[in-house]
Amino acid sequence: MNNRARNRLIGVTAIILILAAVLLVTLLPSGGAYSQTVKDVATNDKLVGTRVKVTGTVVAGSWDKKTNPMVFKIQDQGATTGPQVQVVYDGSAPNTFGNDTVAILTGTVDKLGSIKANDMLTKCPSKYQTKSDAAKIADMLAAPSDTPIRVQGFLKAGTLKDASAAQRFVIATNADGTGASAPVAFPGTMPAGTKDGVEVVVFGKLEAGVFVATDVAIATK
């Protein structure tokens, strides 16, 4: 084989190897985890020992962030019935985590069919409500207890905690945290855009000095 033919063969071989590498990177799942549904994990025994990436909705009331590691259940996003899978999460859950949170989990399926996860991201839904007919905090504090009411206020800086806390955050009359204020208990998912000083509308009722909310949204005019 002459030098020209040898060089041509080497060039063709290099191109083939590069294309193969690109194809392998393209087909290989991110972080070595294969995307699966909750139903897949619940029904496919062959996934035991496999690292998976699963998106699911946190089943309301199934979690207790005081346990270590944290344990909760998920079901396929948008499903109201169907299989549920237990998640054993070894990590810190974000403050936006709560009932009905959409969580993206990466971990390994164990022999019991649970996902032992070490990575979690949450999808915060966009949620807005007009503040035009919402009460002021001072009016809410003066209203009879246990009366359902919509209240407008600002999320006081540094008060946002996770959903397991007895007081999730504090709302204040002014964006700088001054004026009348009230602690808020809320076990659900915080809306997209939640941050210190954001204006929110909350619905619920005052119980023993704490506003127990069933809904939280970003305020609009």
Protein backbone atom coordinates (compact mmCIF):
# COMPACT_ATOMS: atom_id res chain seq x y z
CA MET A 1 0.00 0.00 0.00
CA ASN A 2 1.52 3.34 -1.06
CA ASN A 3 1.65 6.35 1.22
CA ARG A 4 -1.27 8.11 -0.52
CA ALA A 5 -3.58 5.13 -0.04
CA ARG A 6 -2.43 4.70 3.56
CA ASN A 7 -3.12 8.35 4.37
CA ARG A 8 -6.52 8.14 2.70
CA LEU A 9 -7.39 5.07 4.80
CA ILE A 10 -6.29 6.81 7.98
CA GLY A 11 -8.41 9.85 7.10
CA VAL A 12 -11.51 7.78 6.38
CA THR A 13 -11.03 5.81 9.62
CA ALA A 14 -10.70 9.04 11.64
CA ILE A 15 -13.92 10.41 10.14
CA ILE A 16 -15.77 7.19 10.97
CA LEU A 17 -14.52 7.28 14.56
CA ILE A 18 -15.59 10.93 14.97
CA LEU A 19 -19.05 10.25 13.58
CA ALA A 20 -19.42 7.22 15.86
CA ALA A 21 -18.43 9.31 18.89
CA VAL A 22 -20.93 12.04 18.00
CA LEU A 23 -23.67 9.45 17.55
CA LEU A 24 -22.83 7.83 20.88
CA VAL A 25 -22.97 11.15 22.73
CA THR A 26 -26.27 11.98 21.05
CA LEU A 27 -27.90 8.69 21.99
CA LEU A 28 -26.47 8.43 25.50
CA PRO A 29 -28.95 9.81 28.06
CA SER A 30 -27.91 12.79 30.14
CA GLY A 31 -25.92 11.76 33.21
CA GLY A 32 -26.32 8.10 32.26
CA ALA A 33 -29.97 8.17 33.34
CA TYR A 34 -32.70 6.88 31.06
CA SER A 35 -35.93 8.91 30.94
CA GLN A 36 -38.90 6.84 32.15
CA THR A 37 -42.48 7.50 33.19
CA VAL A 38 -43.81 6.71 36.66
CA LYS A 39 -45.85 3.90 35.09
CA ASP A 40 -42.71 2.46 33.51
CA VAL A 41 -40.93 2.32 36.87
CA ALA A 42 -43.99 0.86 38.60
CA THR A 43 -44.59 -1.91 36.06
CA ASN A 44 -41.21 -2.82 34.54
CA ASP A 45 -39.12 -5.10 36.77
CA LYS A 46 -36.24 -4.89 34.31
CA LEU A 47 -35.57 -1.34 35.50
CA VAL A 48 -34.35 -2.56 38.91
CA GLY A 49 -30.76 -1.39 39.32
CA THR A 50 -31.10 1.07 36.44
CA ARG A 51 -30.44 4.77 36.81
CA VAL A 52 -33.54 6.65 35.63
CA LYS A 53 -34.82 10.19 35.20
CA VAL A 54 -38.51 10.49 36.05
CA THR A 55 -40.90 13.44 36.00
CA GLY A 56 -43.92 13.10 38.27
CA THR A 57 -46.38 14.96 40.46
CA VAL A 58 -45.87 14.75 44.22
CA VAL A 59 -48.86 13.00 45.78
CA ALA A 60 -50.49 15.34 48.30
CA GLY A 61 -49.86 14.32 51.89
CA SER A 62 -47.36 11.59 50.97
CA TRP A 63 -44.23 13.43 52.09
CA ASP A 64 -42.57 14.25 55.37
CA LYS A 65 -39.50 16.46 55.03
CA LYS A 66 -38.56 15.77 58.64
CA THR A 67 -37.47 12.25 57.73
CA ASN A 68 -33.90 11.68 56.60
CA PRO A 69 -33.75 10.67 53.83
CA MET A 70 -37.00 12.26 52.72
CA VAL A 71 -39.72 9.89 51.49
CA PHE A 72 -42.68 10.72 49.25
CA LYS A 73 -44.72 9.35 46.35
CA ILE A 74 -45.13 10.54 42.78
CA GLN A 75 -47.51 9.75 39.94
CA ASP A 76 -47.40 10.61 36.26
CA GLN A 77 -47.85 14.31 35.59
CA GLY A 78 -51.50 15.15 34.97
CA ALA A 79 -52.75 11.78 36.20
CA THR A 80 -55.41 11.55 38.90
CA THR A 81 -55.34 7.75 39.06
CA GLY A 82 -52.85 5.07 38.16
CA PRO A 83 -49.54 3.79 39.52
CA GLN A 84 -47.60 5.63 42.19
CA VAL A 85 -43.92 5.19 42.96
CA GLN A 86 -42.17 5.84 46.24
CA VAL A 87 -39.15 8.14 46.18
CA VAL A 88 -36.38 8.07 48.76
CA TYR A 89 -34.60 11.37 48.28
CA ASP A 90 -31.19 11.99 49.81
CA GLY A 91 -30.78 15.73 49.42
CA SER A 92 -32.21 19.13 50.20
CA ALA A 93 -35.60 19.81 48.66
CA PRO A 94 -36.17 23.33 47.33
CA ASN A 95 -38.50 25.68 49.19
CA THR A 96 -40.93 25.48 46.26
CA PHE A 97 -41.54 21.77 47.00
CA GLY A 98 -45.00 20.84 48.27
CA ASN A 99 -48.23 19.02 47.49
CA ASP A 100 -48.76 18.58 43.73
CA THR A 101 -45.27 19.83 42.87
CA VAL A 102 -43.99 18.53 39.54
CA ALA A 103 -40.59 17.04 40.38
CA ILE A 104 -37.85 15.85 38.03
CA LEU A 105 -35.95 13.11 39.84
CA THR A 106 -32.77 11.23 38.96
CA GLY A 107 -31.85 8.07 40.80
CA THR A 108 -31.71 4.27 40.82
CA VAL A 109 -34.65 1.87 40.99
CA ASP A 110 -34.26 -0.54 43.93
CA LYS A 111 -35.62 -4.06 44.41
CA LEU A 112 -38.79 -2.73 46.02
CA GLY A 113 -39.53 -0.53 43.00
CA SER A 114 -38.66 2.69 44.81
CA ILE A 115 -36.47 5.38 43.27
CA LYS A 116 -33.43 6.19 45.38
CA ALA A 117 -32.88 9.71 44.10
CA ASN A 118 -29.94 12.04 44.68
CA ASP A 119 -31.03 14.83 42.37
CA MET A 120 -34.32 16.75 42.21
CA LEU A 121 -35.55 19.74 40.28
CA THR A 122 -39.03 21.21 40.61
CA LYS A 123 -41.25 22.83 38.01
CA CYS A 124 -43.11 25.81 39.43
CA PRO A 125 -46.39 26.53 37.64
CA SER A 126 -47.12 30.08 36.53
CA LYS A 127 -50.03 31.29 38.59
CA TYR A 128 -51.47 34.79 38.68
CA GLN A 129 -54.48 36.42 40.33
CA THR A 130 -55.78 39.96 40.27
CA LYS A 131 -55.36 41.91 43.49
CA SER A 132 -58.16 44.37 42.73
CA ASP A 133 -60.69 42.73 45.05
CA ALA A 134 -58.26 41.30 47.62
CA ALA A 135 -58.31 42.56 51.20
CA LYS A 136 -55.43 44.38 52.85
CA ILE A 137 -53.54 42.57 55.60
CA ALA A 138 -54.80 44.95 58.28
CA ASP A 139 -58.40 44.25 57.21
CA MET A 140 -57.76 40.51 57.28
CA LEU A 141 -56.35 40.71 60.82
CA ALA A 142 -59.45 42.60 61.94
CA ALA A 143 -61.88 40.15 60.30
CA PRO A 144 -63.50 37.30 62.26
CA SER A 145 -61.32 34.18 62.53
CA ASP A 146 -62.08 31.17 60.33
CA THR A 147 -63.62 33.43 57.66
CA PRO A 148 -62.37 32.59 54.12
CA ILE A 149 -60.77 35.66 52.55
CA ARG A 150 -58.43 36.71 49.73
CA VAL A 151 -55.51 38.85 50.90
CA GLN A 152 -52.90 40.89 49.04
CA GLY A 153 -49.40 41.49 50.39
CA PHE A 154 -45.67 41.17 49.78
CA LEU A 155 -43.49 38.16 50.61
CA LYS A 156 -41.24 39.40 53.39
CA ALA A 157 -37.54 38.94 52.63
CA GLY A 158 -35.85 35.98 54.33
CA THR A 159 -39.06 34.33 55.56
CA LEU A 160 -39.71 31.72 52.86
CA LYS A 161 -39.32 28.17 54.21
CA ASP A 162 -40.10 24.71 52.90
CA ALA A 163 -43.59 23.23 52.95
CA SER A 164 -43.01 21.25 56.14
CA ALA A 165 -42.63 24.43 58.20
CA ALA A 166 -45.58 25.49 60.34
CA GLN A 167 -45.13 28.99 58.87
CA ARG A 168 -44.21 28.88 55.16
CA PHE A 169 -43.60 32.61 54.75
CA VAL A 170 -44.70 36.03 56.02
CA ILE A 171 -46.73 38.54 54.02
CA ALA A 172 -46.34 42.22 54.73
CA THR A 173 -48.18 45.36 53.66
CA ASN A 174 -45.13 46.88 51.95
CA ALA A 175 -42.46 45.43 49.66
CA ASP A 176 -39.72 46.29 52.19
CA GLY A 177 -41.45 44.16 54.83
CA THR A 178 -42.87 47.03 56.84
CA GLY A 179 -46.48 47.60 57.87
CA ALA A 180 -49.00 45.04 59.04
CA SER A 181 -47.86 41.45 58.52
CA ALA A 182 -48.99 37.88 59.06
CA PRO A 183 -47.36 34.43 58.97
CA VAL A 184 -48.75 32.10 56.29
CA ALA A 185 -49.03 28.31 56.42
CA PHE A 186 -49.14 26.69 52.97
CA PRO A 187 -48.30 23.05 52.07
CA GLY A 188 -48.59 23.43 48.30
CA THR A 189 -46.30 24.41 45.43
CA MET A 190 -45.20 28.03 45.34
CA PRO A 191 -45.83 29.72 41.97
CA ALA A 192 -43.14 30.56 39.43
CA GLY A 193 -41.63 33.94 40.23
CA THR A 194 -41.67 33.43 44.00
CA LYS A 195 -38.91 35.52 45.56
CA ASP A 196 -38.32 38.03 48.34
CA GLY A 197 -40.49 41.12 47.96
CA VAL A 198 -42.81 39.69 45.30
CA GLU A 199 -46.46 40.74 45.56
CA VAL A 200 -48.82 37.81 46.13
CA VAL A 201 -52.49 37.08 46.56
CA VAL A 202 -53.33 34.34 49.06
CA PHE A 203 -56.64 32.68 49.79
CA GLY A 204 -57.48 31.03 53.08
CA LYS A 205 -58.46 31.96 56.60
CA LEU A 206 -56.87 33.18 59.81
CA GLU A 207 -56.50 30.51 62.49
CA ALA A 208 -54.88 31.27 65.85
CA GLY A 209 -52.81 34.10 64.41
CA VAL A 210 -51.62 32.19 61.35
CA PHE A 211 -53.15 32.64 57.90
CA VAL A 212 -53.78 29.10 56.65
CA ALA A 213 -53.68 29.36 52.84
CA THR A 214 -55.09 26.96 50.32
CA ASP A 215 -53.89 28.95 47.31
CA VAL A 216 -51.01 31.31 46.56
CA ALA A 217 -50.56 33.28 43.33
CA ILE A 218 -48.47 36.15 42.00
CA ALA A 219 -50.51 39.37 42.13
CA THR A 220 -51.58 41.27 39.04
CA LYS A 221 -53.57 44.49 38.71
